[in-house]
């Protein structure tokens, strides 16, 4: 059935992202470890690495998601036809 993503995968990714966001409220990025994320998210390290290469990859993907969510708004609000 094509590119449909398993609901468990979506839930795991959301769990990791939410956990990471909460940790960022408590600690500086440089002080957060993959193990911190895994412990708080109640997942194993291998599960984390199934989805992300490292904490930098996680951060980059989260930033990319946020930018992609705002692109349509920016394009329409500021009439940016050439905005990618």
PDB file of N, CA and C in Angstrom:
ATOM      1  N   UNK A   1       0.803  -1.197   0.000  1.00  0.00           N
ATOM      2  CA  UNK A   1       0.000   0.000   0.000  1.00  0.00           C
ATOM      3  C   UNK A   1       0.847   1.263   0.000  1.00  0.00           C
ATOM      4  N   UNK A   2       1.996   1.209  -0.618  1.00  0.00           N
ATOM      5  CA  UNK A   2       2.755   2.420  -0.818  1.00  0.00           C
ATOM      6  C   UNK A   2       3.571   2.873   0.371  1.00  0.00           C
ATOM      7  N   UNK A   3       3.535   4.163   0.622  1.00  0.00           N
ATOM      8  CA  UNK A   3       4.404   4.790   1.609  1.00  0.00           C
ATOM      9  C   UNK A   3       3.729   5.055   2.942  1.00  0.00           C
ATOM     10  N   UNK A   4       2.691   4.331   3.249  1.00  0.00           N
ATOM     11  CA  UNK A   4       1.989   4.556   4.509  1.00  0.00           C
ATOM     12  C   UNK A   4       2.886   4.155   5.682  1.00  0.00           C
ATOM     13  N   UNK A   5       3.024   5.074   6.656  1.00  0.00           N
ATOM     14  CA  UNK A   5       3.894   4.828   7.806  1.00  0.00           C
ATOM     15  C   UNK A   5       3.083   4.191   8.924  1.00  0.00           C
ATOM     16  N   UNK A   6       3.652   3.183   9.524  1.00  0.00           N
ATOM     17  CA  UNK A   6       3.042   2.465  10.633  1.00  0.00           C
ATOM     18  C   UNK A   6       2.735   3.427  11.780  1.00  0.00           C
ATOM     19  N   UNK A   7       1.566   3.285  12.374  1.00  0.00           N
ATOM     20  CA  UNK A   7       1.150   4.140  13.488  1.00  0.00           C
ATOM     21  C   UNK A   7       2.136   4.054  14.649  1.00  0.00           C
ATOM     22  N   UNK A   8       2.711   2.878  14.881  1.00  0.00           N
ATOM     23  CA  UNK A   8       3.692   2.727  15.966  1.00  0.00           C
ATOM     24  C   UNK A   8       4.931   3.583  15.714  1.00  0.00           C
ATOM     25  N   UNK A   9       5.330   3.670  14.457  1.00  0.00           N
ATOM     26  CA  UNK A   9       6.484   4.491  14.098  1.00  0.00           C
ATOM     27  C   UNK A   9       6.167   5.960  14.365  1.00  0.00           C
ATOM     28  N   UNK A  10       4.996   6.400  13.954  1.00  0.00           N
ATOM     29  CA  UNK A  10       4.588   7.785  14.190  1.00  0.00           C
ATOM     30  C   UNK A  10       4.546   8.106  15.681  1.00  0.00           C
ATOM     31  N   UNK A  11       3.980   7.198  16.469  1.00  0.00           N
ATOM     32  CA  UNK A  11       3.895   7.409  17.917  1.00  0.00           C
ATOM     33  C   UNK A  11       5.279   7.463  18.554  1.00  0.00           C
ATOM     34  N   UNK A  12       6.166   6.599  18.105  1.00  0.00           N
ATOM     35  CA  UNK A  12       7.528   6.586  18.648  1.00  0.00           C
ATOM     36  C   UNK A  12       8.254   7.879  18.316  1.00  0.00           C
ATOM     37  N   UNK A  13       8.135   8.334  17.072  1.00  0.00           N
ATOM     38  CA  UNK A  13       8.785   9.579  16.685  1.00  0.00           C
ATOM     39  C   UNK A  13       8.228  10.770  17.464  1.00  0.00           C
ATOM     40  N   UNK A  14       6.924  10.807  17.641  1.00  0.00           N
ATOM     41  CA  UNK A  14       6.312  11.892  18.418  1.00  0.00           C
ATOM     42  C   UNK A  14       6.782  11.842  19.870  1.00  0.00           C
ATOM     43  N   UNK A  15       6.886  10.652  20.414  1.00  0.00           N
ATOM     44  CA  UNK A  15       7.373  10.483  21.779  1.00  0.00           C
ATOM     45  C   UNK A  15       8.800  11.019  21.912  1.00  0.00           C
ATOM     46  N   UNK A  16       9.646  10.662  20.969  1.00  0.00           N
ATOM     47  CA  UNK A  16      11.034  11.116  20.994  1.00  0.00           C
ATOM     48  C   UNK A  16      11.094  12.635  20.870  1.00  0.00           C
ATOM     49  N   UNK A  17      10.341  13.202  19.933  1.00  0.00           N
ATOM     50  CA  UNK A  17      10.370  14.649  19.730  1.00  0.00           C
ATOM     51  C   UNK A  17       9.820  15.393  20.947  1.00  0.00           C
ATOM     52  N   UNK A  18       8.744  14.908  21.515  1.00  0.00           N
ATOM     53  CA  UNK A  18       8.173  15.552  22.706  1.00  0.00           C
ATOM     54  C   UNK A  18       9.133  15.468  23.889  1.00  0.00           C
ATOM     55  N   UNK A  19       9.746  14.323  24.047  1.00  0.00           N
ATOM     56  CA  UNK A  19      10.716  14.145  25.128  1.00  0.00           C
ATOM     57  C   UNK A  19      11.892  15.095  24.949  1.00  0.00           C
ATOM     58  N   UNK A  20      12.393  15.170  23.737  1.00  0.00           N
ATOM     59  CA  UNK A  20      13.512  16.054  23.444  1.00  0.00           C
ATOM     60  C   UNK A  20      13.131  17.517  23.698  1.00  0.00           C
ATOM     61  N   UNK A  21      11.951  17.914  23.277  1.00  0.00           N
ATOM     62  CA  UNK A  21      11.474  19.284  23.509  1.00  0.00           C
ATOM     63  C   UNK A  21      11.401  19.591  24.998  1.00  0.00           C
ATOM     64  N   UNK A  22      10.899  18.655  25.773  1.00  0.00           N
ATOM     65  CA  UNK A  22      10.817  18.850  27.220  1.00  0.00           C
ATOM     66  C   UNK A  22      12.202  18.937  27.854  1.00  0.00           C
ATOM     67  N   UNK A  23      13.111  18.120  27.386  1.00  0.00           N
ATOM     68  CA  UNK A  23      14.484  18.185  27.906  1.00  0.00           C
ATOM     69  C   UNK A  23      15.142  19.526  27.581  1.00  0.00           C
ATOM     70  N   UNK A  24      14.821  20.082  26.419  1.00  0.00           N
ATOM     71  CA  UNK A  24      15.379  21.381  26.044  1.00  0.00           C
ATOM     72  C   UNK A  24      14.895  22.500  26.964  1.00  0.00           C
ATOM     73  N   UNK A  25      13.753  22.302  27.592  1.00  0.00           N
ATOM     74  CA  UNK A  25      13.251  23.277  28.558  1.00  0.00           C
ATOM     75  C   UNK A  25      14.015  23.197  29.874  1.00  0.00           C
ATOM     76  N   UNK A  26      14.659  22.065  30.102  1.00  0.00           N
ATOM     77  CA  UNK A  26      15.368  21.822  31.360  1.00  0.00           C
ATOM     78  C   UNK A  26      16.882  21.970  31.255  1.00  0.00           C
ATOM     79  N   UNK A  27      17.430  21.657  30.080  1.00  0.00           N
ATOM     80  CA  UNK A  27      18.887  21.617  29.904  1.00  0.00           C
ATOM     81  C   UNK A  27      19.277  22.299  28.616  1.00  0.00           C
ATOM     82  N   UNK A  28      20.535  22.704  28.549  1.00  0.00           N
ATOM     83  CA  UNK A  28      21.096  23.181  27.287  1.00  0.00           C
ATOM     84  C   UNK A  28      21.260  21.993  26.345  1.00  0.00           C
ATOM     85  N   UNK A  29      21.166  22.269  25.048  1.00  0.00           N
ATOM     86  CA  UNK A  29      21.304  21.222  24.040  1.00  0.00           C
ATOM     87  C   UNK A  29      22.579  20.412  24.239  1.00  0.00           C
ATOM     88  N   UNK A  30      23.679  21.109  24.508  1.00  0.00           N
ATOM     89  CA  UNK A  30      24.975  20.426  24.625  1.00  0.00           C
ATOM     90  C   UNK A  30      25.010  19.437  25.787  1.00  0.00           C
ATOM     91  N   UNK A  31      24.128  19.621  26.766  1.00  0.00           N
ATOM     92  CA  UNK A  31      24.101  18.745  27.941  1.00  0.00           C
ATOM     93  C   UNK A  31      23.097  17.599  27.832  1.00  0.00           C
ATOM     94  N   UNK A  32      22.364  17.551  26.747  1.00  0.00           N
ATOM     95  CA  UNK A  32      21.397  16.464  26.534  1.00  0.00           C
ATOM     96  C   UNK A  32      22.091  15.337  25.783  1.00  0.00           C
ATOM     97  N   UNK A  33      21.940  14.132  26.297  1.00  0.00           N
ATOM     98  CA  UNK A  33      22.515  12.964  25.628  1.00  0.00           C
ATOM     99  C   UNK A  33      21.404  12.118  25.029  1.00  0.00           C
ATOM    100  N   UNK A  34      21.789  11.268  24.103  1.00  0.00           N
ATOM    101  CA  UNK A  34      20.820  10.319  23.555  1.00  0.00           C
ATOM    102  C   UNK A  34      20.258   9.454  24.685  1.00  0.00           C
ATOM    103  N   UNK A  35      21.111   9.103  25.632  1.00  0.00           N
ATOM    104  CA  UNK A  35      20.646   8.290  26.755  1.00  0.00           C
ATOM    105  C   UNK A  35      19.599   9.035  27.579  1.00  0.00           C
ATOM    106  N   UNK A  36      19.763  10.348  27.764  1.00  0.00           N
ATOM    107  CA  UNK A  36      18.750  11.145  28.461  1.00  0.00           C
ATOM    108  C   UNK A  36      17.402  11.041  27.747  1.00  0.00           C
ATOM    109  N   UNK A  37      17.443  11.166  26.440  1.00  0.00           N
ATOM    110  CA  UNK A  37      16.213  11.095  25.638  1.00  0.00           C
ATOM    111  C   UNK A  37      15.584   9.719  25.782  1.00  0.00           C
ATOM    112  N   UNK A  38      16.397   8.680  25.664  1.00  0.00           N
ATOM    113  CA  UNK A  38      15.889   7.303  25.760  1.00  0.00           C
ATOM    114  C   UNK A  38      15.299   7.012  27.129  1.00  0.00           C
ATOM    115  N   UNK A  39      16.001   7.441  28.171  1.00  0.00           N
ATOM    116  CA  UNK A  39      15.510   7.187  29.533  1.00  0.00           C
ATOM    117  C   UNK A  39      14.169   7.861  29.765  1.00  0.00           C
ATOM    118  N   UNK A  40      14.058   9.103  29.346  1.00  0.00           N
ATOM    119  CA  UNK A  40      12.830   9.861  29.576  1.00  0.00           C
ATOM    120  C   UNK A  40      11.689   9.355  28.686  1.00  0.00           C
ATOM    121  N   UNK A  41      12.014   8.939  27.454  1.00  0.00           N
ATOM    122  CA  UNK A  41      10.998   8.464  26.514  1.00  0.00           C
ATOM    123  C   UNK A  41      10.629   7.000  26.734  1.00  0.00           C
ATOM    124  N   UNK A  42      11.370   6.346  27.624  1.00  0.00           N
ATOM    125  CA  UNK A  42      11.154   4.926  27.918  1.00  0.00           C
ATOM    126  C   UNK A  42      11.325   4.053  26.673  1.00  0.00           C
ATOM    127  N   UNK A  43      12.415   4.333  25.955  1.00  0.00           N
ATOM    128  CA  UNK A  43      12.751   3.539  24.775  1.00  0.00           C
ATOM    129  C   UNK A  43      14.209   3.103  24.879  1.00  0.00           C
ATOM    130  N   UNK A  44      14.574   2.120  24.106  1.00  0.00           N
ATOM    131  CA  UNK A  44      15.956   1.679  24.055  1.00  0.00           C
ATOM    132  C   UNK A  44      16.760   2.521  23.071  1.00  0.00           C
ATOM    133  N   UNK A  45      18.066   2.501  23.245  1.00  0.00           N
ATOM    134  CA  UNK A  45      18.936   3.264  22.345  1.00  0.00           C
ATOM    135  C   UNK A  45      18.774   2.809  20.895  1.00  0.00           C
ATOM    136  N   UNK A  46      18.598   1.516  20.699  1.00  0.00           N
ATOM    137  CA  UNK A  46      18.448   1.018  19.323  1.00  0.00           C
ATOM    138  C   UNK A  46      17.180   1.583  18.679  1.00  0.00           C
ATOM    139  N   UNK A  47      16.137   1.775  19.478  1.00  0.00           N
ATOM    140  CA  UNK A  47      14.913   2.380  18.947  1.00  0.00           C
ATOM    141  C   UNK A  47      15.186   3.811  18.521  1.00  0.00           C
ATOM    142  N   UNK A  48      15.900   4.562  19.359  1.00  0.00           N
ATOM    143  CA  UNK A  48      16.248   5.928  18.979  1.00  0.00           C
ATOM    144  C   UNK A  48      17.012   5.921  17.661  1.00  0.00           C
ATOM    145  N   UNK A  49      18.025   5.057  17.566  1.00  0.00           N
ATOM    146  CA  UNK A  49      18.871   5.029  16.372  1.00  0.00           C
ATOM    147  C   UNK A  49      18.165   4.440  15.151  1.00  0.00           C
ATOM    148  N   UNK A  50      17.045   3.770  15.343  1.00  0.00           N
ATOM    149  CA  UNK A  50      16.224   3.344  14.210  1.00  0.00           C
ATOM    150  C   UNK A  50      15.607   4.549  13.503  1.00  0.00           C
ATOM    151  N   UNK A  51      15.438   5.642  14.248  1.00  0.00           N
ATOM    152  CA  UNK A  51      14.752   6.823  13.715  1.00  0.00           C
ATOM    153  C   UNK A  51      15.674   8.002  13.441  1.00  0.00           C
ATOM    154  N   UNK A  52      16.752   8.123  14.209  1.00  0.00           N
ATOM    155  CA  UNK A  52      17.649   9.278  14.092  1.00  0.00           C
ATOM    156  C   UNK A  52      19.102   8.828  14.218  1.00  0.00           C
ATOM    157  N   UNK A  53      19.990   9.543  13.548  1.00  0.00           N
ATOM    158  CA  UNK A  53      21.426   9.211  13.609  1.00  0.00           C
ATOM    159  C   UNK A  53      22.030   9.618  14.946  1.00  0.00           C
ATOM    160  N   UNK A  54      21.593  10.773  15.451  1.00  0.00           N
ATOM    161  CA  UNK A  54      22.092  11.312  16.710  1.00  0.00           C
ATOM    162  C   UNK A  54      21.191  12.469  17.116  1.00  0.00           C
ATOM    163  N   UNK A  55      21.530  13.164  18.181  1.00  0.00           N
ATOM    164  CA  UNK A  55      20.671  14.260  18.648  1.00  0.00           C
ATOM    165  C   UNK A  55      20.682  15.425  17.662  1.00  0.00           C
ATOM    166  N   UNK A  56      21.744  15.577  16.894  1.00  0.00           N
ATOM    167  CA  UNK A  56      21.813  16.640  15.891  1.00  0.00           C
ATOM    168  C   UNK A  56      20.840  16.359  14.746  1.00  0.00           C
ATOM    169  N   UNK A  57      20.764  15.116  14.350  1.00  0.00           N
ATOM    170  CA  UNK A  57      19.818  14.704  13.312  1.00  0.00           C
ATOM    171  C   UNK A  57      18.386  14.949  13.796  1.00  0.00           C
ATOM    172  N   UNK A  58      18.104  14.584  15.028  1.00  0.00           N
ATOM    173  CA  UNK A  58      16.780  14.819  15.612  1.00  0.00           C
ATOM    174  C   UNK A  58      16.444  16.307  15.578  1.00  0.00           C
ATOM    175  N   UNK A  59      17.359  17.143  16.030  1.00  0.00           N
ATOM    176  CA  UNK A  59      17.136  18.586  16.039  1.00  0.00           C
ATOM    177  C   UNK A  59      16.911  19.119  14.627  1.00  0.00           C
ATOM    178  N   UNK A  60      17.749  18.706  13.688  1.00  0.00           N
ATOM    179  CA  UNK A  60      17.608  19.172  12.307  1.00  0.00           C
ATOM    180  C   UNK A  60      16.263  18.782  11.712  1.00  0.00           C
ATOM    181  N   UNK A  61      15.819  17.575  11.970  1.00  0.00           N
ATOM    182  CA  UNK A  61      14.539  17.127  11.425  1.00  0.00           C
ATOM    183  C   UNK A  61      13.377  17.880  12.065  1.00  0.00           C
ATOM    184  N   UNK A  62      13.498  18.185  13.347  1.00  0.00           N
ATOM    185  CA  UNK A  62      12.445  18.954  14.013  1.00  0.00           C
ATOM    186  C   UNK A  62      12.380  20.378  13.460  1.00  0.00           C
ATOM    187  N   UNK A  63      13.526  20.989  13.250  1.00  0.00           N
ATOM    188  CA  UNK A  63      13.564  22.344  12.688  1.00  0.00           C
ATOM    189  C   UNK A  63      12.989  22.335  11.274  1.00  0.00           C
ATOM    190  N   UNK A  64      13.358  21.335  10.497  1.00  0.00           N
ATOM    191  CA  UNK A  64      12.850  21.213   9.131  1.00  0.00           C
ATOM    192  C   UNK A  64      11.324  21.080   9.125  1.00  0.00           C
ATOM    193  N   UNK A  65      10.775  20.298  10.040  1.00  0.00           N
ATOM    194  CA  UNK A  65       9.320  20.154  10.141  1.00  0.00           C
ATOM    195  C   UNK A  65       8.647  21.481  10.444  1.00  0.00           C
ATOM    196  N   UNK A  66       9.217  22.230  11.367  1.00  0.00           N
ATOM    197  CA  UNK A  66       8.644  23.525  11.749  1.00  0.00           C
ATOM    198  C   UNK A  66       8.673  24.486  10.562  1.00  0.00           C
ATOM    199  N   UNK A  67       9.788  24.528   9.870  1.00  0.00           N
ATOM    200  CA  UNK A  67       9.900  25.398   8.697  1.00  0.00           C
ATOM    201  C   UNK A  67       8.867  25.009   7.647  1.00  0.00           C
ATOM    202  N   UNK A  68       8.727  23.715   7.396  1.00  0.00           N
ATOM    203  CA  UNK A  68       7.757  23.250   6.396  1.00  0.00           C
ATOM    204  C   UNK A  68       6.321  23.567   6.787  1.00  0.00           C
ATOM    205  N   UNK A  69       6.033  23.575   8.086  1.00  0.00           N
ATOM    206  CA  UNK A  69       4.689  23.923   8.544  1.00  0.00           C
ATOM    207  C   UNK A  69       4.390  25.399   8.295  1.00  0.00           C
ATOM    208  N   UNK A  70       5.396  26.241   8.384  1.00  0.00           N
ATOM    209  CA  UNK A  70       5.191  27.674   8.230  1.00  0.00           C
ATOM    210  C   UNK A  70       5.320  28.170   6.790  1.00  0.00           C
ATOM    211  N   UNK A  71       5.864  27.377   5.907  1.00  0.00           N
ATOM    212  CA  UNK A  71       6.052  27.814   4.523  1.00  0.00           C
ATOM    213  C   UNK A  71       4.755  28.281   3.863  1.00  0.00           C
ATOM    214  N   UNK A  72       3.668  27.504   3.939  1.00  0.00           N
ATOM    215  CA  UNK A  72       2.426  27.970   3.291  1.00  0.00           C
ATOM    216  C   UNK A  72       1.935  29.308   3.858  1.00  0.00           C
ATOM    217  N   UNK A  73       2.055  29.476   5.154  1.00  0.00           N
ATOM    218  CA  UNK A  73       1.636  30.732   5.780  1.00  0.00           C
ATOM    219  C   UNK A  73       2.495  31.888   5.281  1.00  0.00           C
ATOM    220  N   UNK A  74       3.800  31.692   5.273  1.00  0.00           N
ATOM    221  CA  UNK A  74       4.702  32.742   4.816  1.00  0.00           C
ATOM    222  C   UNK A  74       4.468  33.092   3.356  1.00  0.00           C
ATOM    223  N   UNK A  75       4.247  32.077   2.540  1.00  0.00           N
ATOM    224  CA  UNK A  75       4.007  32.314   1.122  1.00  0.00           C
ATOM    225  C   UNK A  75       2.752  33.137   0.907  1.00  0.00           C
ATOM    226  N   UNK A  76       1.673  32.781   1.600  1.00  0.00           N
ATOM    227  CA  UNK A  76       0.423  33.512   1.403  1.00  0.00           C
ATOM    228  C   UNK A  76       0.443  34.872   2.095  1.00  0.00           C
ATOM    229  N   UNK A  77       0.993  34.936   3.274  1.00  0.00           N
ATOM    230  CA  UNK A  77       0.993  36.175   4.052  1.00  0.00           C
ATOM    231  C   UNK A  77       1.852  37.251   3.412  1.00  0.00           C
ATOM    232  N   UNK A  78       2.989  36.861   2.866  1.00  0.00           N
ATOM    233  CA  UNK A  78       3.911  37.833   2.315  1.00  0.00           C
ATOM    234  C   UNK A  78       4.011  37.755   0.791  1.00  0.00           C
ATOM    235  N   UNK A  79       3.090  37.017   0.192  1.00  0.00           N
ATOM    236  CA  UNK A  79       3.017  36.900  -1.267  1.00  0.00           C
ATOM    237  C   UNK A  79       4.378  36.520  -1.851  1.00  0.00           C
ATOM    238  N   UNK A  80       4.951  35.467  -1.312  1.00  0.00           N
ATOM    239  CA  UNK A  80       6.275  35.000  -1.751  1.00  0.00           C
ATOM    240  C   UNK A  80       6.123  33.836  -2.713  1.00  0.00           C
ATOM    241  N   UNK A  81       5.966  34.126  -3.963  1.00  0.00           N
ATOM    242  CA  UNK A  81       5.778  33.072  -4.956  1.00  0.00           C
ATOM    243  C   UNK A  81       7.016  32.248  -5.201  1.00  0.00           C
ATOM    244  N   UNK A  82       8.178  32.816  -4.941  1.00  0.00           N
ATOM    245  CA  UNK A  82       9.422  32.091  -5.203  1.00  0.00           C
ATOM    246  C   UNK A  82       9.956  31.392  -3.963  1.00  0.00           C
ATOM    247  N   UNK A  83       9.239  31.482  -2.838  1.00  0.00           N
ATOM    248  CA  UNK A  83       9.686  30.842  -1.591  1.00  0.00           C
ATOM    249  C   UNK A  83       9.575  29.344  -1.740  1.00  0.00           C
ATOM    250  N   UNK A  84      10.643  28.614  -1.450  1.00  0.00           N
ATOM    251  CA  UNK A  84      10.664  27.157  -1.659  1.00  0.00           C
ATOM    252  C   UNK A  84      10.036  26.446  -0.549  1.00  0.00           C
TER     253      UNK A  84
END
